[in-house]
Every structure is written in C-alpha cells, then in structure tokens.
Amino acid sequence: MQELREVPCGKTVTIQKLVGTGAIKRRIMDMGLTKGTSVYVRKVAPLGDPVEITVRGYELSLRKQDASCIFVE
C-alpha cells in the first residue's frame, strides 16, 4: 500500500484504508473517498500540493496533508 499523494499522474488506484481521527476523517469520507472506491489521479501540482483526482464522476483537489491520510493499492 502507498499514500495517495505518492501516486503518479495517470494512474487509477483503489482506496484500501483511511487513517486520521475526528473531523479530518469525516471530511474525507463526506467527499466520497471511502474504502473500495476507485480514484484516478489527474494532476499533481509542481510542488506536489494540491493533487487533483477524479472520484465518483467529479474532480476533486486535495491538499497533500489530506492525501497522506488515504492509503491506496
């Protein structure tokens, strides 16, 4: 498993695990990022923050800090 922020552009991965507590984990889940969901990494900013992904048919930008809470395979 690797963190979502480590995935290169153009790859499709599946969420395996969410780490974090309280509001952070709840916010990530409210955005539709739940275990078993497929995620396509569209773009990564030059300095790595933010990461733009496609999940459940919409585009989403995540901060590197939030993307490090999502483990994918």
PDB file of N, CA and C in Angstrom:
ATOM      1  N   MET A   1       0.843  -1.187   0.000  1.00  0.00           N
ATOM      2  CA  MET A   1       0.000   0.000   0.000  1.00  0.00           C
ATOM      3  C   MET A   1       0.883   1.244   0.000  1.00  0.00           C
ATOM      4  N   GLN A   2       0.351   2.290  -0.608  1.00  0.00           N
ATOM      5  CA  GLN A   2       1.044   3.573  -0.619  1.00  0.00           C
ATOM      6  C   GLN A   2       0.047   4.693  -0.374  1.00  0.00           C
ATOM      7  N   GLU A   3       0.570   5.849  -0.028  1.00  0.00           N
ATOM      8  CA  GLU A   3      -0.294   7.000   0.212  1.00  0.00           C
ATOM      9  C   GLU A   3      -0.759   7.570  -1.119  1.00  0.00           C
ATOM     10  N   LEU A   4      -1.925   8.172  -1.145  1.00  0.00           N
ATOM     11  CA  LEU A   4      -2.477   8.748  -2.366  1.00  0.00           C
ATOM     12  C   LEU A   4      -1.565   9.833  -2.920  1.00  0.00           C
ATOM     13  N   ARG A   5      -0.893  10.578  -2.064  1.00  0.00           N
ATOM     14  CA  ARG A   5      -0.029  11.661  -2.545  1.00  0.00           C
ATOM     15  C   ARG A   5       1.198  11.142  -3.288  1.00  0.00           C
ATOM     16  N   GLU A   6       1.526   9.858  -3.168  1.00  0.00           N
ATOM     17  CA  GLU A   6       2.687   9.261  -3.830  1.00  0.00           C
ATOM     18  C   GLU A   6       2.361   8.684  -5.202  1.00  0.00           C
ATOM     19  N   VAL A   7       1.088   8.627  -5.575  1.00  0.00           N
ATOM     20  CA  VAL A   7       0.664   8.013  -6.836  1.00  0.00           C
ATOM     21  C   VAL A   7       0.957   8.980  -7.988  1.00  0.00           C
ATOM     22  N   PRO A   8       1.603   8.510  -9.058  1.00  0.00           N
ATOM     23  CA  PRO A   8       1.896   9.394 -10.194  1.00  0.00           C
ATOM     24  C   PRO A   8       0.644   9.706 -11.017  1.00  0.00           C
ATOM     25  N   CYS A   9       0.724  10.754 -11.818  1.00  0.00           N
ATOM     26  CA  CYS A   9      -0.394  11.159 -12.686  1.00  0.00           C
ATOM     27  C   CYS A   9      -0.747  10.039 -13.662  1.00  0.00           C
ATOM     28  N   GLY A  10      -2.029   9.937 -13.978  1.00  0.00           N
ATOM     29  CA  GLY A  10      -2.492   8.975 -14.959  1.00  0.00           C
ATOM     30  C   GLY A  10      -2.785   7.586 -14.421  1.00  0.00           C
ATOM     31  N   LYS A  11      -2.623   7.361 -13.139  1.00  0.00           N
ATOM     32  CA  LYS A  11      -2.880   6.040 -12.554  1.00  0.00           C
ATOM     33  C   LYS A  11      -4.255   5.991 -11.910  1.00  0.00           C
ATOM     34  N   THR A  12      -4.885   4.838 -11.974  1.00  0.00           N
ATOM     35  CA  THR A  12      -6.129   4.588 -11.266  1.00  0.00           C
ATOM     36  C   THR A  12      -5.831   3.622 -10.133  1.00  0.00           C
ATOM     37  N   VAL A  13      -6.262   3.985  -8.939  1.00  0.00           N
ATOM     38  CA  VAL A  13      -5.997   3.172  -7.750  1.00  0.00           C
ATOM     39  C   VAL A  13      -7.299   2.978  -6.974  1.00  0.00           C
ATOM     40  N   THR A  14      -7.276   2.062  -6.024  1.00  0.00           N
ATOM     41  CA  THR A  14      -8.438   1.791  -5.185  1.00  0.00           C
ATOM     42  C   THR A  14      -8.075   2.102  -3.737  1.00  0.00           C
ATOM     43  N   ILE A  15      -8.965   2.795  -3.056  1.00  0.00           N
ATOM     44  CA  ILE A  15      -8.735   3.149  -1.660  1.00  0.00           C
ATOM     45  C   ILE A  15      -8.842   1.895  -0.807  1.00  0.00           C
ATOM     46  N   GLN A  16      -7.822   1.659   0.022  1.00  0.00           N
ATOM     47  CA  GLN A  16      -7.791   0.494   0.894  1.00  0.00           C
ATOM     48  C   GLN A  16      -8.027   0.850   2.353  1.00  0.00           C
ATOM     49  N   LYS A  17      -7.563   2.036   2.770  1.00  0.00           N
ATOM     50  CA  LYS A  17      -7.631   2.383   4.178  1.00  0.00           C
ATOM     51  C   LYS A  17      -7.578   3.896   4.357  1.00  0.00           C
ATOM     52  N   LEU A  18      -8.346   4.401   5.319  1.00  0.00           N
ATOM     53  CA  LEU A  18      -8.308   5.808   5.702  1.00  0.00           C
ATOM     54  C   LEU A  18      -7.774   5.890   7.117  1.00  0.00           C
ATOM     55  N   VAL A  19      -6.816   6.770   7.328  1.00  0.00           N
ATOM     56  CA  VAL A  19      -6.303   7.000   8.675  1.00  0.00           C
ATOM     57  C   VAL A  19      -6.622   8.438   9.063  1.00  0.00           C
ATOM     58  N   GLY A  20      -6.581   8.703  10.327  1.00  0.00           N
ATOM     59  CA  GLY A  20      -6.944  10.027  10.814  1.00  0.00           C
ATOM     60  C   GLY A  20      -8.071   9.879  11.814  1.00  0.00           C
ATOM     61  N   THR A  21      -8.343  10.960  12.501  1.00  0.00           N
ATOM     62  CA  THR A  21      -9.384  10.911  13.513  1.00  0.00           C
ATOM     63  C   THR A  21     -10.300  12.110  13.387  1.00  0.00           C
ATOM     64  N   GLY A  22     -11.463  11.950  13.929  1.00  0.00           N
ATOM     65  CA  GLY A  22     -12.413  13.047  14.059  1.00  0.00           C
ATOM     66  C   GLY A  22     -12.784  13.732  12.765  1.00  0.00           C
ATOM     67  N   ALA A  23     -12.664  15.057  12.763  1.00  0.00           N
ATOM     68  CA  ALA A  23     -13.151  15.890  11.670  1.00  0.00           C
ATOM     69  C   ALA A  23     -12.425  15.625  10.354  1.00  0.00           C
ATOM     70  N   ILE A  24     -11.141  15.321  10.417  1.00  0.00           N
ATOM     71  CA  ILE A  24     -10.377  15.093   9.187  1.00  0.00           C
ATOM     72  C   ILE A  24     -10.906  13.864   8.450  1.00  0.00           C
ATOM     73  N   LYS A  25     -11.047  12.767   9.163  1.00  0.00           N
ATOM     74  CA  LYS A  25     -11.535  11.529   8.555  1.00  0.00           C
ATOM     75  C   LYS A  25     -12.981  11.695   8.068  1.00  0.00           C
ATOM     76  N   ARG A  26     -13.809  12.363   8.844  1.00  0.00           N
ATOM     77  CA  ARG A  26     -15.205  12.587   8.476  1.00  0.00           C
ATOM     78  C   ARG A  26     -15.295  13.426   7.195  1.00  0.00           C
ATOM     79  N   ARG A  27     -14.448  14.462   7.078  1.00  0.00           N
ATOM     80  CA  ARG A  27     -14.471  15.330   5.893  1.00  0.00           C
ATOM     81  C   ARG A  27     -14.051  14.553   4.656  1.00  0.00           C
ATOM     82  N   ILE A  28     -13.023  13.712   4.788  1.00  0.00           N
ATOM     83  CA  ILE A  28     -12.577  12.894   3.662  1.00  0.00           C
ATOM     84  C   ILE A  28     -13.681  11.944   3.217  1.00  0.00           C
ATOM     85  N   MET A  29     -14.356  11.315   4.163  1.00  0.00           N
ATOM     86  CA  MET A  29     -15.443  10.396   3.825  1.00  0.00           C
ATOM     87  C   MET A  29     -16.634  11.131   3.217  1.00  0.00           C
ATOM     88  N   ASP A  30     -16.921  12.352   3.678  1.00  0.00           N
ATOM     89  CA  ASP A  30     -18.023  13.131   3.131  1.00  0.00           C
ATOM     90  C   ASP A  30     -17.786  13.531   1.675  1.00  0.00           C
ATOM     91  N   MET A  31     -16.517  13.589   1.263  1.00  0.00           N
ATOM     92  CA  MET A  31     -16.186  13.918  -0.128  1.00  0.00           C
ATOM     93  C   MET A  31     -16.329  12.709  -1.041  1.00  0.00           C
ATOM     94  N   GLY A  32     -16.691  11.559  -0.496  1.00  0.00           N
ATOM     95  CA  GLY A  32     -16.895  10.363  -1.303  1.00  0.00           C
ATOM     96  C   GLY A  32     -15.692   9.444  -1.351  1.00  0.00           C
ATOM     97  N   LEU A  33     -14.682   9.729  -0.564  1.00  0.00           N
ATOM     98  CA  LEU A  33     -13.480   8.906  -0.540  1.00  0.00           C
ATOM     99  C   LEU A  33     -13.619   7.860   0.560  1.00  0.00           C
ATOM    100  N   THR A  34     -14.143   6.708   0.186  1.00  0.00           N
ATOM    101  CA  THR A  34     -14.368   5.629   1.136  1.00  0.00           C
ATOM    102  C   THR A  34     -13.648   4.368   0.649  1.00  0.00           C
ATOM    103  N   LYS A  35     -13.491   3.406   1.540  1.00  0.00           N
ATOM    104  CA  LYS A  35     -12.799   2.163   1.215  1.00  0.00           C
ATOM    105  C   LYS A  35     -13.455   1.476   0.021  1.00  0.00           C
ATOM    106  N   GLY A  36     -12.634   1.037  -0.933  1.00  0.00           N
ATOM    107  CA  GLY A  36     -13.129   0.339  -2.111  1.00  0.00           C
ATOM    108  C   GLY A  36     -13.442   1.242  -3.294  1.00  0.00           C
ATOM    109  N   THR A  37     -13.338   2.547  -3.132  1.00  0.00           N
ATOM    110  CA  THR A  37     -13.640   3.494  -4.203  1.00  0.00           C
ATOM    111  C   THR A  37     -12.444   3.638  -5.142  1.00  0.00           C
ATOM    112  N   SER A  38     -12.697   3.642  -6.451  1.00  0.00           N
ATOM    113  CA  SER A  38     -11.634   3.860  -7.430  1.00  0.00           C
ATOM    114  C   SER A  38     -11.365   5.345  -7.572  1.00  0.00           C
ATOM    115  N   VAL A  39     -10.089   5.690  -7.684  1.00  0.00           N
ATOM    116  CA  VAL A  39      -9.656   7.079  -7.785  1.00  0.00           C
ATOM    117  C   VAL A  39      -8.666   7.191  -8.939  1.00  0.00           C
ATOM    118  N   TYR A  40      -8.876   8.163  -9.824  1.00  0.00           N
ATOM    119  CA  TYR A  40      -7.961   8.431 -10.932  1.00  0.00           C
ATOM    120  C   TYR A  40      -7.191   9.704 -10.613  1.00  0.00           C
ATOM    121  N   VAL A  41      -5.876   9.647 -10.616  1.00  0.00           N
ATOM    122  CA  VAL A  41      -5.051  10.816 -10.322  1.00  0.00           C
ATOM    123  C   VAL A  41      -4.857  11.592 -11.626  1.00  0.00           C
ATOM    124  N   ARG A  42      -5.478  12.765 -11.703  1.00  0.00           N
ATOM    125  CA  ARG A  42      -5.429  13.584 -12.916  1.00  0.00           C
ATOM    126  C   ARG A  42      -4.175  14.435 -13.001  1.00  0.00           C
ATOM    127  N   LYS A  43      -3.908  15.206 -11.970  1.00  0.00           N
ATOM    128  CA  LYS A  43      -2.784  16.142 -11.988  1.00  0.00           C
ATOM    129  C   LYS A  43      -2.174  16.240 -10.604  1.00  0.00           C
ATOM    130  N   VAL A  44      -0.896  16.574 -10.588  1.00  0.00           N
ATOM    131  CA  VAL A  44      -0.212  16.896  -9.342  1.00  0.00           C
ATOM    132  C   VAL A  44       0.490  18.225  -9.580  1.00  0.00           C
ATOM    133  N   ALA A  45       0.287  19.171  -8.694  1.00  0.00           N
ATOM    134  CA  ALA A  45       0.914  20.485  -8.833  1.00  0.00           C
ATOM    135  C   ALA A  45       2.435  20.339  -8.797  1.00  0.00           C
ATOM    136  N   PRO A  46       3.165  21.296  -9.369  1.00  0.00           N
ATOM    137  CA  PRO A  46       4.626  21.192  -9.434  1.00  0.00           C
ATOM    138  C   PRO A  46       5.307  20.929  -8.085  1.00  0.00           C
ATOM    139  N   LEU A  47       4.803  21.492  -7.015  1.00  0.00           N
ATOM    140  CA  LEU A  47       5.399  21.256  -5.709  1.00  0.00           C
ATOM    141  C   LEU A  47       4.679  20.149  -4.940  1.00  0.00           C
ATOM    142  N   GLY A  48       3.751  19.457  -5.609  1.00  0.00           N
ATOM    143  CA  GLY A  48       3.068  18.324  -5.005  1.00  0.00           C
ATOM    144  C   GLY A  48       1.815  18.658  -4.224  1.00  0.00           C
ATOM    145  N   ASP A  49       1.461  19.924  -4.160  1.00  0.00           N
ATOM    146  CA  ASP A  49       0.293  20.323  -3.372  1.00  0.00           C
ATOM    147  C   ASP A  49      -0.507  21.356  -4.140  1.00  0.00           C
ATOM    148  N   PRO A  50      -1.728  21.140  -4.548  1.00  0.00           N
ATOM    149  CA  PRO A  50      -2.614  20.009  -4.282  1.00  0.00           C
ATOM    150  C   PRO A  50      -2.515  18.910  -5.344  1.00  0.00           C
ATOM    151  N   VAL A  51      -3.254  17.842  -5.088  1.00  0.00           N
ATOM    152  CA  VAL A  51      -3.384  16.719  -6.006  1.00  0.00           C
ATOM    153  C   VAL A  51      -4.802  16.754  -6.538  1.00  0.00           C
ATOM    154  N   GLU A  52      -4.960  16.693  -7.861  1.00  0.00           N
ATOM    155  CA  GLU A  52      -6.305  16.691  -8.446  1.00  0.00           C
ATOM    156  C   GLU A  52      -6.659  15.263  -8.844  1.00  0.00           C
ATOM    157  N   ILE A  53      -7.813  14.795  -8.354  1.00  0.00           N
ATOM    158  CA  ILE A  53      -8.246  13.427  -8.615  1.00  0.00           C
ATOM    159  C   ILE A  53      -9.666  13.429  -9.180  1.00  0.00           C
ATOM    160  N   THR A  54     -10.026  12.326  -9.816  1.00  0.00           N
ATOM    161  CA  THR A  54     -11.401  12.106 -10.246  1.00  0.00           C
ATOM    162  C   THR A  54     -11.936  10.949  -9.423  1.00  0.00           C
ATOM    163  N   VAL A  55     -13.046  11.203  -8.730  1.00  0.00           N
ATOM    164  CA  VAL A  55     -13.655  10.192  -7.880  1.00  0.00           C
ATOM    165  C   VAL A  55     -15.167  10.280  -8.033  1.00  0.00           C
ATOM    166  N   ARG A  56     -15.810   9.159  -8.286  1.00  0.00           N
ATOM    167  CA  ARG A  56     -17.268   9.079  -8.424  1.00  0.00           C
ATOM    168  C   ARG A  56     -17.824  10.074  -9.443  1.00  0.00           C
ATOM    169  N   GLY A  57     -17.063  10.333 -10.516  1.00  0.00           N
ATOM    170  CA  GLY A  57     -17.544  11.171 -11.604  1.00  0.00           C
ATOM    171  C   GLY A  57     -17.321  12.663 -11.436  1.00  0.00           C
ATOM    172  N   TYR A  58     -16.614  13.102 -10.427  1.00  0.00           N
ATOM    173  CA  TYR A  58     -16.318  14.532 -10.300  1.00  0.00           C
ATOM    174  C   TYR A  58     -14.853  14.747  -9.941  1.00  0.00           C
ATOM    175  N   GLU A  59     -14.361  15.951 -10.241  1.00  0.00           N
ATOM    176  CA  GLU A  59     -12.975  16.287  -9.954  1.00  0.00           C
ATOM    177  C   GLU A  59     -12.871  16.875  -8.557  1.00  0.00           C
ATOM    178  N   LEU A  60     -11.793  16.542  -7.880  1.00  0.00           N
ATOM    179  CA  LEU A  60     -11.591  16.965  -6.508  1.00  0.00           C
ATOM    180  C   LEU A  60     -10.117  17.296  -6.320  1.00  0.00           C
ATOM    181  N   SER A  61      -9.834  18.409  -5.663  1.00  0.00           N
ATOM    182  CA  SER A  61      -8.454  18.762  -5.326  1.00  0.00           C
ATOM    183  C   SER A  61      -8.247  18.535  -3.839  1.00  0.00           C
ATOM    184  N   LEU A  62      -7.171  17.829  -3.519  1.00  0.00           N
ATOM    185  CA  LEU A  62      -6.855  17.514  -2.127  1.00  0.00           C
ATOM    186  C   LEU A  62      -5.500  18.094  -1.756  1.00  0.00           C
ATOM    187  N   ARG A  63      -5.401  18.595  -0.546  1.00  0.00           N
ATOM    188  CA  ARG A  63      -4.108  19.020  -0.041  1.00  0.00           C
ATOM    189  C   ARG A  63      -3.250  17.785   0.199  1.00  0.00           C
ATOM    190  N   LYS A  64      -1.943  17.985   0.160  1.00  0.00           N
ATOM    191  CA  LYS A  64      -1.015  16.877   0.375  1.00  0.00           C
ATOM    192  C   LYS A  64      -1.228  16.252   1.754  1.00  0.00           C
ATOM    193  N   GLN A  65      -1.525  17.076   2.727  1.00  0.00           N
ATOM    194  CA  GLN A  65      -1.763  16.590   4.093  1.00  0.00           C
ATOM    195  C   GLN A  65      -2.961  15.640   4.134  1.00  0.00           C
ATOM    196  N   ASP A  66      -4.048  15.993   3.428  1.00  0.00           N
ATOM    197  CA  ASP A  66      -5.224  15.128   3.387  1.00  0.00           C
ATOM    198  C   ASP A  66      -4.962  13.865   2.573  1.00  0.00           C
ATOM    199  N   ALA A  67      -4.217  14.002   1.467  1.00  0.00           N
ATOM    200  CA  ALA A  67      -3.917  12.842   0.616  1.00  0.00           C
ATOM    201  C   ALA A  67      -3.029  11.835   1.330  1.00  0.00           C
ATOM    202  N   SER A  68      -2.262  12.287   2.315  1.00  0.00           N
ATOM    203  CA  SER A  68      -1.393  11.355   3.042  1.00  0.00           C
ATOM    204  C   SER A  68      -2.175  10.501   4.034  1.00  0.00           C
ATOM    205  N   CYS A  69      -3.442  10.836   4.275  1.00  0.00           N
ATOM    206  CA  CYS A  69      -4.302  10.048   5.162  1.00  0.00           C
ATOM    207  C   CYS A  69      -5.020   8.921   4.439  1.00  0.00           C
ATOM    208  N   ILE A  70      -4.837   8.856   3.106  1.00  0.00           N
ATOM    209  CA  ILE A  70      -5.544   7.883   2.282  1.00  0.00           C
ATOM    210  C   ILE A  70      -4.538   6.886   1.718  1.00  0.00           C
ATOM    211  N   PHE A  71      -4.712   5.624   2.069  1.00  0.00           N
ATOM    212  CA  PHE A  71      -3.823   4.578   1.568  1.00  0.00           C
ATOM    213  C   PHE A  71      -4.521   3.825   0.442  1.00  0.00           C
ATOM    214  N   VAL A  72      -3.794   3.628  -0.666  1.00  0.00           N
ATOM    215  CA  VAL A  72      -4.370   3.034  -1.871  1.00  0.00           C
ATOM    216  C   VAL A  72      -3.522   1.854  -2.329  1.00  0.00           C
ATOM    217  N   GLU A  73      -4.093   1.104  -3.253  1.00  0.00           N
ATOM    218  CA  GLU A  73      -3.388  -0.051  -3.832  1.00  0.00           C
ATOM    219  C   GLU A  73      -3.671  -0.113  -5.307  1.00  0.00           C
TER     220      GLU A  73
END
